[in-house]
Protein backbone atom coordinates (compact mmCIF):
# COMPACT_ATOMS: atom_id res chain seq x y z
CA MET A 1 120.66 81.25 83.02
CA ASN A 2 121.93 84.06 80.84
CA THR A 3 120.69 85.13 77.45
CA GLN A 4 122.17 87.25 74.71
CA VAL A 5 120.69 90.56 73.60
CA VAL A 6 121.57 91.88 70.16
CA PHE A 7 120.64 95.37 69.00
CA ASN A 8 121.89 98.05 66.64
CA ILE A 9 123.44 101.26 67.89
CA ASP A 10 125.18 104.17 66.20
CA SER A 11 128.88 103.35 65.98
CA LYS A 12 129.98 106.78 67.24
CA LEU A 13 127.68 106.51 70.25
CA LYS A 14 128.99 103.01 70.98
CA GLU A 15 132.61 104.16 70.79
CA LYS A 16 131.93 107.09 73.14
CA ALA A 17 130.13 104.81 75.60
CA MET A 18 132.90 102.23 75.48
CA LYS A 19 135.54 104.91 76.00
CA LYS A 20 133.67 106.33 79.00
CA ALA A 21 133.22 102.86 80.48
CA ARG A 22 136.92 102.13 79.97
CA ASN A 23 137.83 105.40 81.74
CA GLU A 24 135.59 104.34 84.64
CA GLY A 25 137.32 100.95 84.73
CA VAL A 26 134.11 99.07 83.98
CA PRO A 27 133.46 96.75 81.02
CA PHE A 28 130.90 98.12 78.60
CA ALA A 29 128.82 94.93 78.97
CA SER A 30 128.56 95.64 82.70
CA ILE A 31 127.22 99.12 81.97
CA LEU A 32 124.49 97.62 79.79
CA LYS A 33 123.62 95.02 82.45
CA LEU A 34 123.53 97.65 85.20
CA ALA A 35 121.37 99.95 83.09
CA THR A 36 118.94 97.12 82.36
CA ARG A 37 118.70 96.20 86.04
CA ALA A 38 118.20 99.86 87.02
CA PHE A 39 115.45 100.22 84.41
CA VAL A 40 113.62 97.13 85.68
CA GLU A 41 113.89 98.27 89.31
CA GLY A 42 112.62 101.76 88.47
CA ASP A 43 115.93 103.51 89.16
CA LEU A 44 116.45 104.52 85.52
CA ASP A 45 114.08 107.13 84.18
CA VAL A 46 113.75 106.91 80.41
CA ARG A 47 112.68 110.14 78.80
CA LEU A 48 111.21 109.80 75.34
CA SER A 49 111.38 113.52 74.62
CA ARG A 50 114.54 115.46 74.02
CA LYS A 51 115.69 117.91 76.69
CA ASP A 52 115.56 120.84 74.29
CA ASP A 53 111.84 120.38 73.53
CA LEU A 54 110.96 122.79 76.36
CA ASN A 55 112.37 126.21 77.03
CA PRO A 56 114.01 126.68 80.45
CA ARG A 57 111.10 128.67 81.91
CA THR A 58 108.53 126.03 80.95
CA ARG A 59 110.80 123.23 82.21
CA ARG A 60 111.19 124.94 85.62
CA SER A 61 107.46 125.52 85.84
CA LEU A 62 106.66 121.89 85.06
CA ILE A 63 109.22 120.59 87.54
CA ARG A 64 107.77 122.85 90.24
CA ASP A 65 104.19 121.83 89.39
CA ILE A 66 105.02 118.12 89.41
CA GLY A 67 106.74 118.50 92.78
CA GLU A 68 103.73 120.30 94.24
CA THR A 69 101.37 117.67 92.86
CA LYS A 70 103.43 114.88 94.45
CA LYS A 71 103.12 116.75 97.77
CA GLY A 72 99.35 117.02 97.30
CA LYS A 73 99.36 120.78 96.78
CA GLY A 74 97.10 122.47 94.22
CA LEU A 75 94.68 119.56 94.03
CA SER A 76 90.97 119.68 94.60
CA PRO A 77 89.58 117.67 97.51
CA VAL A 78 87.92 114.27 97.08
CA PHE A 79 84.15 114.41 96.82
CA GLU A 80 81.57 111.82 97.79
CA ASN A 81 79.04 112.99 95.20
CA ALA A 82 78.59 115.34 92.24
CA LYS A 83 76.54 117.85 94.25
CA ASP A 84 79.47 118.53 96.59
CA ALA A 85 81.85 118.82 93.64
CA ILE A 86 79.62 121.35 91.88
CA ALA A 87 79.27 123.38 95.08
CA TYR A 88 83.06 123.40 95.48
CA LEU A 89 83.56 124.59 91.88
CA LYS A 90 80.97 127.35 92.25
CA GLY A 91 82.76 128.53 95.37
CA LEU A 92 86.06 129.08 93.55
């Protein structure tokens, strides 16, 4: 079963998107369907902040730090109790 989705979009943005889709040989509706599917499956990353909110140096630093965190670098170990955690912190 299909359903209809209706939303408002800036007319200039819509025209640019439709033109790009046409140049790719894909109907604009298919682009919207593919984007929705990608979003649901986690393949579309939606950023709520504009790209120019961070300067290039800060952006590079954050990207590096996020990558290191995902690899488990720069994180403190897991502690079984507060005493061990306090001892670890005092040893830094």
